[in-house]
Protein backbone atom coordinates (compact mmCIF):
# COMPACT_ATOMS: atom_id res chain seq x y z
CA UNK A 1 197.22 122.41 87.77
CA UNK A 2 195.72 119.53 85.74
CA UNK A 3 193.55 120.27 83.02
CA UNK A 4 191.37 117.29 82.32
CA UNK A 5 188.36 116.22 84.37
CA UNK A 6 188.98 114.08 87.55
CA UNK A 7 186.69 111.51 86.17
CA UNK A 8 188.59 111.60 82.50
CA UNK A 9 189.08 108.20 82.64
CA UNK A 10 186.42 106.73 84.10
CA UNK A 11 183.60 109.11 82.32
CA UNK A 12 181.10 106.86 80.02
CA UNK A 13 180.89 109.74 77.48
CA UNK A 14 185.08 109.60 77.05
CA UNK A 15 185.11 105.66 77.34
CA UNK A 16 182.71 105.14 74.66
CA UNK A 17 179.72 103.79 76.70
CA UNK A 18 177.48 106.50 76.08
CA UNK A 19 177.54 106.34 72.44
CA UNK A 20 178.22 109.96 71.60
CA UNK A 21 179.69 110.32 67.89
CA UNK A 22 182.99 111.64 67.34
CA UNK A 23 182.58 115.26 66.68
CA UNK A 24 180.38 115.55 69.71
CA UNK A 25 182.72 114.02 71.77
CA UNK A 26 185.55 116.10 70.48
CA UNK A 27 183.42 118.67 71.36
CA UNK A 28 182.91 117.89 74.54
CA UNK A 29 186.12 117.22 75.25
CA UNK A 30 187.49 120.57 74.19
CA UNK A 31 184.71 122.32 75.67
CA UNK A 32 184.32 120.10 79.48
CA UNK A 33 186.83 117.43 79.78
CA UNK A 34 190.16 119.08 79.28
CA UNK A 35 189.51 122.34 79.74
CA UNK A 36 190.61 122.90 83.37
CA UNK A 37 188.74 122.65 86.75
CA UNK A 38 186.48 126.00 85.85
CA UNK A 39 184.73 124.26 82.92
CA UNK A 40 184.79 120.90 83.96
CA UNK A 41 182.86 122.45 86.90
CA UNK A 42 179.89 123.20 84.30
CA UNK A 43 179.63 119.47 83.14
CA UNK A 44 176.18 118.12 83.98
CA UNK A 45 177.78 114.81 84.61
CA UNK A 46 180.42 115.96 87.02
CA UNK A 47 178.21 118.29 88.73
CA UNK A 48 176.00 115.42 89.35
CA UNK A 49 178.58 112.74 90.47
CA UNK A 50 180.10 115.08 92.79
CA UNK A 51 176.50 115.44 94.69
CA UNK A 52 175.75 111.94 94.60
CA UNK A 53 178.87 109.89 93.68
CA UNK A 54 177.38 108.72 90.16
CA UNK A 55 175.70 110.06 86.97
CA UNK A 56 173.30 107.81 84.84
CA UNK A 57 175.09 106.92 81.42
CA UNK A 58 172.47 109.12 78.99
CA UNK A 59 173.35 112.50 81.14
CA UNK A 60 175.14 114.68 78.66
CA UNK A 61 177.75 116.96 79.68
CA UNK A 62 175.59 120.15 78.03
CA UNK A 63 172.11 118.53 79.54
CA UNK A 64 169.51 121.32 79.84
CA UNK A 65 168.74 120.24 83.41
CA UNK A 66 170.63 121.49 86.22
CA UNK A 67 172.27 118.73 88.54
CA UNK A 68 169.12 118.73 90.91
CA UNK A 69 166.69 118.20 88.20
CA UNK A 70 168.44 115.43 86.86
CA UNK A 71 169.10 113.91 90.40
CA UNK A 72 165.70 114.11 90.79
CA UNK A 73 164.44 112.97 87.49
CA UNK A 74 166.63 109.75 87.97
CA UNK A 75 166.00 109.19 91.84
CA UNK A 76 169.83 109.32 92.56
């Protein structure tokens, strides 16, 4: 089973489009992106993308809002 998130190659966090510093990026990779399905399932970006098919660049994996709050906030 693949440990990397299915959105690993296209995620703005990982491709540098979100402007996350290197230490934070490495932390996100370790906690969410490369830790298997159970962990990427906790990523807010993953959750929102699974529901509506996209996620705003500025939403971080550990956003305090839940996926539905993010969807409402950004009118997705």
